[in-house]
Amino acid sequence: EMGPPEVAGHGHADALSIVLYAGRGTGGGRPLVVDPGVETYEAGASRDRCRSIGAHNTVEIDGRDPCVFWGPFRVAHPPPARLLEWSDDHLVGEHRGYLRLAEGVVHRRRVERRPGGAWEIGDRFTGRGRHRFVLAFQLAPGAEAGIVEGACDAAWPEGTRLQIRPLEAPPGAAAEIVPGWVADGWNRRRTAPRYVLRWIAGVPCASRLRLRAEGE
C-alpha cells in the first residue's frame, strides 16, 4: 500500500517495485537495482518524477500512474495492493490501481529465487483492451550498461556484473538502456542507466525476466 490513508501524500506509486543487492558486505551487499529516492519536497518536475510509477522498478501502463497525484503532498485513488503468497524463496503480489481506468488492468508479479544466484521476475496482466507497457529497472550509479542480443549486461567499476535476460515477452517487445538518475542527497542527483522493456499487447499477457549477478 502507499501508506496510511491519513498520510498517503507521502507515498510513491511504487506498487510491486523491487530492489536488488548482491554479494557480500554490510546491508546485504552491493546495490544493483535501486529505488531512485527523493531529491526534493518542493513542487515541480523532480518531485513529480520521483513519485511516479515511471521512476520505479515495476511496470507502467499507458503512460499513466495507477493513482492521481494532486500537488507535492496529496494523492487520490491510491492503488490497492496485496501480498498473495510468500516463502523463503518466492513471493507473489498484485495491485489493482489500473482498474479505475477504462479497460483496466490487474498487475500480478512473482519474484522467485532460482539456483545459481539468479532471480526471476514474472509479471502477468489481466483485464481488457490493448495497452502500452513499460517495464523498467533503475541500475545503481556507476554502471556501464548495454543491450547484447536482447539481454542487458551491466558492470560496475569493482567488477560486479548484472545480466537481465528476457525469458518470456510478448511479440515485439524491445529492450533498451535509457538515461536515469538516483537522488543521493537532498537537492542532489547522480545519473545512472535505466533498463527498459517496452511492448504493446492485448491482455492477458505476460513477461518473465532473469536477473543474475556475478562478482563480489
C-alpha atoms as a PDB file:
ATOM      1  CA  GLU A   1       0.000   0.000   0.000  1.00  0.00           C
ATOM      2  CA  MET A   2       1.088   3.631  -0.457  1.00  0.00           C
ATOM      3  CA  GLY A   3       0.732   4.213   3.258  1.00  0.00           C
ATOM      4  CA  PRO A   4      -1.899   5.023   5.889  1.00  0.00           C
ATOM      5  CA  PRO A   5      -4.861   6.908   4.385  1.00  0.00           C
ATOM      6  CA  GLU A   6      -4.181   9.945   6.574  1.00  0.00           C
ATOM      7  CA  VAL A   7      -0.646  10.429   5.139  1.00  0.00           C
ATOM      8  CA  ALA A   8      -0.876   8.815   1.693  1.00  0.00           C
ATOM      9  CA  GLY A   9       0.506  12.021   0.162  1.00  0.00           C
ATOM     10  CA  HIS A  10       3.999  10.987   1.243  1.00  0.00           C
ATOM     11  CA  GLY A  11       3.651   7.744  -0.702  1.00  0.00           C
ATOM     12  CA  HIS A  12       5.042   6.941  -4.138  1.00  0.00           C
ATOM     13  CA  ALA A  13       3.470   4.941  -6.970  1.00  0.00           C
ATOM     14  CA  ASP A  14       5.862   2.056  -6.344  1.00  0.00           C
ATOM     15  CA  ALA A  15       3.475  -0.901  -6.048  1.00  0.00           C
ATOM     16  CA  LEU A  16       5.321  -4.165  -6.819  1.00  0.00           C
ATOM     17  CA  SER A  17       8.644  -2.352  -7.253  1.00  0.00           C
ATOM     18  CA  ILE A  18      11.776  -4.299  -6.305  1.00  0.00           C
ATOM     19  CA  VAL A  19      15.357  -3.532  -5.294  1.00  0.00           C
ATOM     20  CA  LEU A  20      18.276  -5.942  -5.678  1.00  0.00           C
ATOM     21  CA  TYR A  21      21.508  -6.237  -3.679  1.00  0.00           C
ATOM     22  CA  ALA A  22      24.104  -8.913  -4.363  1.00  0.00           C
ATOM     23  CA  GLY A  23      27.417 -10.122  -2.991  1.00  0.00           C
ATOM     24  CA  ARG A  24      28.897  -9.866   0.470  1.00  0.00           C
ATOM     25  CA  GLY A  25      29.054  -6.812   2.656  1.00  0.00           C
ATOM     26  CA  THR A  26      27.176  -4.651   5.107  1.00  0.00           C
ATOM     27  CA  GLY A  27      23.486  -4.305   4.376  1.00  0.00           C
ATOM     28  CA  GLY A  28      23.288  -7.347   2.106  1.00  0.00           C
ATOM     29  CA  GLY A  29      25.956  -6.479  -0.423  1.00  0.00           C
ATOM     30  CA  ARG A  30      26.249  -4.117  -3.333  1.00  0.00           C
ATOM     31  CA  PRO A  31      23.153  -2.261  -4.608  1.00  0.00           C
ATOM     32  CA  LEU A  32      22.400  -3.206  -8.225  1.00  0.00           C
ATOM     33  CA  VAL A  33      18.745  -2.305  -8.874  1.00  0.00           C
ATOM     34  CA  VAL A  34      17.760   0.660  -6.719  1.00  0.00           C
ATOM     35  CA  ASP A  35      14.922   2.964  -5.744  1.00  0.00           C
ATOM     36  CA  PRO A  36      15.547   6.462  -7.161  1.00  0.00           C
ATOM     37  CA  GLY A  37      14.963   8.107  -3.794  1.00  0.00           C
ATOM     38  CA  VAL A  38      13.707  11.630  -3.130  1.00  0.00           C
ATOM     39  CA  GLU A  39      15.594  14.683  -4.328  1.00  0.00           C
ATOM     40  CA  THR A  40      13.210  17.354  -3.027  1.00  0.00           C
ATOM     41  CA  TYR A  41       9.871  18.004  -1.361  1.00  0.00           C
ATOM     42  CA  GLU A  42       9.276  21.160  -3.412  1.00  0.00           C
ATOM     43  CA  ALA A  43       6.567  21.109  -6.077  1.00  0.00           C
ATOM     44  CA  GLY A  44       7.881  20.648  -9.588  1.00  0.00           C
ATOM     45  CA  ALA A  45       9.109  18.183 -12.170  1.00  0.00           C
ATOM     46  CA  SER A  46      11.643  16.466  -9.881  1.00  0.00           C
ATOM     47  CA  ARG A  47       9.095  15.814  -7.129  1.00  0.00           C
ATOM     48  CA  ASP A  48       6.558  14.583  -9.683  1.00  0.00           C
ATOM     49  CA  ARG A  49       9.087  12.283 -11.283  1.00  0.00           C
ATOM     50  CA  CYS A  50      10.383  10.642  -8.112  1.00  0.00           C
ATOM     51  CA  ARG A  51       6.815   9.829  -7.010  1.00  0.00           C
ATOM     52  CA  SER A  52       5.645   8.432 -10.368  1.00  0.00           C
ATOM     53  CA  ILE A  53       5.405   4.766 -11.266  1.00  0.00           C
ATOM     54  CA  GLY A  54       7.696   5.507 -14.208  1.00  0.00           C
ATOM     55  CA  ALA A  55      10.612   6.139 -11.811  1.00  0.00           C
ATOM     56  CA  HIS A  56      10.273   2.802 -10.006  1.00  0.00           C
ATOM     57  CA  ASN A  57      11.225  -0.800 -10.740  1.00  0.00           C
ATOM     58  CA  THR A  58       7.818  -2.010 -11.793  1.00  0.00           C
ATOM     59  CA  VAL A  59       5.523  -1.667 -14.850  1.00  0.00           C
ATOM     60  CA  GLU A  60       3.869   1.487 -16.160  1.00  0.00           C
ATOM     61  CA  ILE A  61       0.767   1.050 -18.326  1.00  0.00           C
ATOM     62  CA  ASP A  62      -0.391   3.533 -20.983  1.00  0.00           C
ATOM     63  CA  GLY A  63       1.897   6.247 -19.627  1.00  0.00           C
ATOM     64  CA  ARG A  64      -0.320   6.677 -16.567  1.00  0.00           C
ATOM     65  CA  ASP A  65       0.169   6.448 -12.828  1.00  0.00           C
ATOM     66  CA  PRO A  66      -2.092   3.943 -11.013  1.00  0.00           C
ATOM     67  CA  CYS A  67      -3.170   6.804  -8.730  1.00  0.00           C
ATOM     68  CA  VAL A  68      -3.688  10.575  -9.054  1.00  0.00           C
ATOM     69  CA  PHE A  69      -1.143  12.997  -7.605  1.00  0.00           C
ATOM     70  CA  TRP A  70      -2.522  16.390  -6.566  1.00  0.00           C
ATOM     71  CA  GLY A  71       0.405  18.637  -5.767  1.00  0.00           C
ATOM     72  CA  PRO A  72       3.545  17.557  -3.905  1.00  0.00           C
ATOM     73  CA  PHE A  73       1.745  16.013  -0.888  1.00  0.00           C
ATOM     74  CA  ARG A  74      -1.697  14.915  -1.994  1.00  0.00           C
ATOM     75  CA  VAL A  75      -2.810  11.731  -3.685  1.00  0.00           C
ATOM     76  CA  ALA A  76      -6.152  10.260  -4.737  1.00  0.00           C
ATOM     77  CA  HIS A  77      -7.089   6.687  -5.605  1.00  0.00           C
ATOM     78  CA  PRO A  78      -4.045   5.006  -4.000  1.00  0.00           C
ATOM     79  CA  PRO A  79      -3.686   1.594  -5.690  1.00  0.00           C
ATOM     80  CA  PRO A  80      -4.948  -1.357  -3.635  1.00  0.00           C
ATOM     81  CA  ALA A  81      -2.023  -3.779  -3.250  1.00  0.00           C
ATOM     82  CA  ARG A  82      -1.931  -7.275  -1.753  1.00  0.00           C
ATOM     83  CA  LEU A  83       0.698  -9.857  -0.872  1.00  0.00           C
ATOM     84  CA  LEU A  84      -0.777 -13.153  -2.064  1.00  0.00           C
ATOM     85  CA  GLU A  85       1.938 -15.772  -1.440  1.00  0.00           C
ATOM     86  CA  TRP A  86       5.329 -15.886   0.197  1.00  0.00           C
ATOM     87  CA  SER A  87       8.067 -18.298   1.266  1.00  0.00           C
ATOM     88  CA  ASP A  88      11.824 -18.160   1.792  1.00  0.00           C
ATOM     89  CA  ASP A  89      12.302 -18.383  -1.985  1.00  0.00           C
ATOM     90  CA  HIS A  90       9.376 -16.541  -3.584  1.00  0.00           C
ATOM     91  CA  LEU A  91       6.577 -14.068  -3.213  1.00  0.00           C
ATOM     92  CA  VAL A  92       3.549 -13.065  -5.271  1.00  0.00           C
ATOM     93  CA  GLY A  93       1.779  -9.718  -5.078  1.00  0.00           C
ATOM     94  CA  GLU A  94      -0.689  -7.743  -7.127  1.00  0.00           C
ATOM     95  CA  HIS A  95      -2.098  -4.243  -7.397  1.00  0.00           C
ATOM     96  CA  ARG A  96      -5.369  -3.048  -8.900  1.00  0.00           C
ATOM     97  CA  GLY A  97      -4.586   0.624  -9.363  1.00  0.00           C
ATOM     98  CA  TYR A  98      -5.221   0.479 -13.118  1.00  0.00           C
ATOM     99  CA  LEU A  99      -8.745  -0.921 -12.753  1.00  0.00           C
ATOM    100  CA  ARG A 100     -10.118   2.616 -12.272  1.00  0.00           C
ATOM    101  CA  LEU A 101      -9.154   3.453 -15.873  1.00  0.00           C
ATOM    102  CA  ALA A 102     -11.161   2.476 -18.952  1.00  0.00           C
ATOM    103  CA  GLU A 103     -10.282  -1.081 -19.983  1.00  0.00           C
ATOM    104  CA  GLY A 104      -8.496  -1.544 -16.668  1.00  0.00           C
ATOM    105  CA  VAL A 105      -5.703  -3.998 -15.937  1.00  0.00           C
ATOM    106  CA  VAL A 106      -4.666  -6.031 -12.878  1.00  0.00           C
ATOM    107  CA  HIS A 107      -0.898  -6.429 -12.461  1.00  0.00           C
ATOM    108  CA  ARG A 108       0.410  -9.518 -10.647  1.00  0.00           C
ATOM    109  CA  ARG A 109       4.148 -10.019 -10.000  1.00  0.00           C
ATOM    110  CA  ARG A 110       6.022 -13.153  -8.914  1.00  0.00           C
ATOM    111  CA  VAL A 111       9.588 -12.850  -7.588  1.00  0.00           C
ATOM    112  CA  GLU A 112      11.420 -16.168  -7.240  1.00  0.00           C
ATOM    113  CA  ARG A 113      14.938 -17.137  -6.216  1.00  0.00           C
ATOM    114  CA  ARG A 114      16.462 -19.639  -8.621  1.00  0.00           C
ATOM    115  CA  PRO A 115      19.533 -21.916  -8.360  1.00  0.00           C
ATOM    116  CA  GLY A 116      22.911 -20.374  -9.046  1.00  0.00           C
ATOM    117  CA  GLY A 117      22.218 -16.950  -7.577  1.00  0.00           C
ATOM    118  CA  ALA A 118      19.559 -15.877 -10.072  1.00  0.00           C
ATOM    119  CA  TRP A 119      16.165 -14.240  -9.570  1.00  0.00           C
ATOM    120  CA  GLU A 120      13.170 -14.492 -11.885  1.00  0.00           C
ATOM    121  CA  ILE A 121      10.641 -11.675 -12.090  1.00  0.00           C
ATOM    122  CA  GLY A 122       7.352 -12.719 -13.681  1.00  0.00           C
ATOM    123  CA  ASP A 123       4.638 -10.185 -14.482  1.00  0.00           C
ATOM    124  CA  ARG A 124       1.129 -11.128 -15.595  1.00  0.00           C
ATOM    125  CA  PHE A 125      -1.548  -8.702 -16.732  1.00  0.00           C
ATOM    126  CA  THR A 126      -5.271  -9.455 -16.928  1.00  0.00           C
ATOM    127  CA  GLY A 127      -8.235  -7.300 -17.794  1.00  0.00           C
ATOM    128  CA  ARG A 128      -9.439  -5.825 -21.084  1.00  0.00           C
ATOM    129  CA  GLY A 129      -8.163  -3.983 -24.104  1.00  0.00           C
ATOM    130  CA  ARG A 130      -4.820  -3.326 -25.744  1.00  0.00           C
ATOM    131  CA  HIS A 131      -2.189  -1.344 -23.838  1.00  0.00           C
ATOM    132  CA  ARG A 132       1.322   0.092 -23.840  1.00  0.00           C
ATOM    133  CA  PHE A 133       3.607  -1.469 -21.220  1.00  0.00           C
ATOM    134  CA  VAL A 134       6.941  -0.172 -19.930  1.00  0.00           C
ATOM    135  CA  LEU A 135       8.867  -2.405 -17.508  1.00  0.00           C
ATOM    136  CA  ALA A 136      11.935  -0.699 -16.012  1.00  0.00           C
ATOM    137  CA  PHE A 137      14.807  -1.342 -13.606  1.00  0.00           C
ATOM    138  CA  GLN A 138      16.884   1.580 -12.329  1.00  0.00           C
ATOM    139  CA  LEU A 139      20.513   0.495 -12.103  1.00  0.00           C
ATOM    140  CA  ALA A 140      22.761   1.806  -9.343  1.00  0.00           C
ATOM    141  CA  PRO A 141      25.091   4.708 -10.236  1.00  0.00           C
ATOM    142  CA  GLY A 142      28.477   3.807 -11.654  1.00  0.00           C
ATOM    143  CA  ALA A 143      27.242   1.103 -14.015  1.00  0.00           C
ATOM    144  CA  GLU A 144      28.157   0.771 -17.656  1.00  0.00           C
ATOM    145  CA  ALA A 145      25.280  -0.984 -19.396  1.00  0.00           C
ATOM    146  CA  GLY A 146      24.287  -2.109 -22.863  1.00  0.00           C
ATOM    147  CA  ILE A 147      21.947  -4.470 -24.690  1.00  0.00           C
ATOM    148  CA  VAL A 148      23.533  -7.535 -26.314  1.00  0.00           C
ATOM    149  CA  GLU A 149      21.281  -9.985 -28.182  1.00  0.00           C
ATOM    150  CA  GLY A 150      18.242  -8.743 -26.267  1.00  0.00           C
ATOM    151  CA  ALA A 151      19.825  -9.036 -22.808  1.00  0.00           C
ATOM    152  CA  CYS A 152      21.197  -6.252 -20.615  1.00  0.00           C
ATOM    153  CA  ASP A 153      24.779  -6.597 -19.427  1.00  0.00           C
ATOM    154  CA  ALA A 154      25.708  -4.089 -16.687  1.00  0.00           C
ATOM    155  CA  ALA A 155      29.082  -3.769 -14.945  1.00  0.00           C
ATOM    156  CA  TRP A 156      30.372  -1.646 -12.058  1.00  0.00           C
ATOM    157  CA  PRO A 157      33.985  -0.496 -11.658  1.00  0.00           C
ATOM    158  CA  GLU A 158      34.900  -3.007  -8.930  1.00  0.00           C
ATOM    159  CA  GLY A 159      33.886  -5.908 -11.179  1.00  0.00           C
ATOM    160  CA  THR A 160      30.302  -6.684 -10.128  1.00  0.00           C
ATOM    161  CA  ARG A 161      28.106  -7.587 -13.096  1.00  0.00           C
ATOM    162  CA  LEU A 162      24.366  -7.964 -13.593  1.00  0.00           C
ATOM    163  CA  GLN A 163      22.631  -9.621 -16.506  1.00  0.00           C
ATOM    164  CA  ILE A 164      18.930  -9.049 -17.208  1.00  0.00           C
ATOM    165  CA  ARG A 165      17.650 -11.575 -19.739  1.00  0.00           C
ATOM    166  CA  PRO A 166      14.059 -11.859 -21.011  1.00  0.00           C
ATOM    167  CA  LEU A 167      12.788 -15.435 -20.718  1.00  0.00           C
ATOM    168  CA  GLU A 168       9.255 -14.660 -21.866  1.00  0.00           C
ATOM    169  CA  ALA A 169       7.976 -11.494 -23.531  1.00  0.00           C
ATOM    170  CA  PRO A 170       5.076 -10.526 -25.801  1.00  0.00           C
ATOM    171  CA  PRO A 171       5.832 -10.352 -29.539  1.00  0.00           C
ATOM    172  CA  GLY A 172       7.522  -7.101 -30.495  1.00  0.00           C
ATOM    173  CA  ALA A 173       8.913  -6.373 -27.025  1.00  0.00           C
ATOM    174  CA  ALA A 174      12.132  -4.351 -27.263  1.00  0.00           C
ATOM    175  CA  ALA A 175      14.751  -3.606 -24.610  1.00  0.00           C
ATOM    176  CA  GLU A 176      16.941  -0.505 -24.369  1.00  0.00           C
ATOM    177  CA  ILE A 177      19.117   1.417 -21.937  1.00  0.00           C
ATOM    178  CA  VAL A 178      17.952   4.973 -21.271  1.00  0.00           C
ATOM    179  CA  PRO A 179      19.329   7.756 -19.039  1.00  0.00           C
ATOM    180  CA  GLY A 180      18.079   7.720 -15.462  1.00  0.00           C
ATOM    181  CA  TRP A 181      19.034   9.303 -12.152  1.00  0.00           C
ATOM    182  CA  VAL A 182      19.191   8.492  -8.471  1.00  0.00           C
ATOM    183  CA  ALA A 183      18.935  11.021  -5.642  1.00  0.00           C
ATOM    184  CA  ASP A 184      21.989  10.565  -3.407  1.00  0.00           C
ATOM    185  CA  GLY A 185      21.223  13.503  -1.129  1.00  0.00           C
ATOM    186  CA  TRP A 186      18.981  16.491  -0.652  1.00  0.00           C
ATOM    187  CA  ASN A 187      18.821  18.520  -3.885  1.00  0.00           C
ATOM    188  CA  ARG A 188      21.421  16.194  -5.400  1.00  0.00           C
ATOM    189  CA  ARG A 189      21.211  13.547  -8.073  1.00  0.00           C
ATOM    190  CA  ARG A 190      23.535  11.176  -9.920  1.00  0.00           C
ATOM    191  CA  THR A 191      22.999   9.926 -13.445  1.00  0.00           C
ATOM    192  CA  ALA A 192      22.633   6.175 -13.845  1.00  0.00           C
ATOM    193  CA  PRO A 193      21.488   3.863 -16.656  1.00  0.00           C
ATOM    194  CA  ARG A 194      17.971   2.507 -16.658  1.00  0.00           C
ATOM    195  CA  TYR A 195      16.904  -0.783 -18.259  1.00  0.00           C
ATOM    196  CA  VAL A 196      13.566  -0.529 -20.083  1.00  0.00           C
ATOM    197  CA  LEU A 197      11.494  -3.209 -21.826  1.00  0.00           C
ATOM    198  CA  ARG A 198       8.587  -1.859 -23.921  1.00  0.00           C
ATOM    199  CA  TRP A 199       5.743  -3.600 -25.702  1.00  0.00           C
ATOM    200  CA  ILE A 200       2.176  -3.130 -26.918  1.00  0.00           C
ATOM    201  CA  ALA A 201      -0.236  -6.018 -26.449  1.00  0.00           C
ATOM    202  CA  GLY A 202      -3.739  -7.046 -25.609  1.00  0.00           C
ATOM    203  CA  VAL A 203      -4.371  -8.549 -22.210  1.00  0.00           C
ATOM    204  CA  PRO A 204      -3.954 -11.128 -20.879  1.00  0.00           C
ATOM    205  CA  CYS A 205      -0.219 -11.029 -21.494  1.00  0.00           C
ATOM    206  CA  ALA A 206       2.933 -11.796 -19.504  1.00  0.00           C
ATOM    207  CA  SER A 207       6.657 -11.222 -19.258  1.00  0.00           C
ATOM    208  CA  ARG A 208       9.396 -13.038 -17.356  1.00  0.00           C
ATOM    209  CA  LEU A 209      12.966 -11.866 -16.767  1.00  0.00           C
ATOM    210  CA  ARG A 210      16.005 -13.489 -15.163  1.00  0.00           C
ATOM    211  CA  LEU A 211      18.413 -11.336 -13.144  1.00  0.00           C
ATOM    212  CA  ARG A 212      21.797 -12.859 -12.403  1.00  0.00           C
ATOM    213  CA  ALA A 213      24.628 -11.127 -10.536  1.00  0.00           C
ATOM    214  CA  GLU A 214      28.306 -12.055 -10.555  1.00  0.00           C
ATOM    215  CA  GLY A 215      31.285 -10.781  -8.550  1.00  0.00           C
ATOM    216  CA  GLU A 216      31.777  -9.507  -5.031  1.00  0.00           C
END
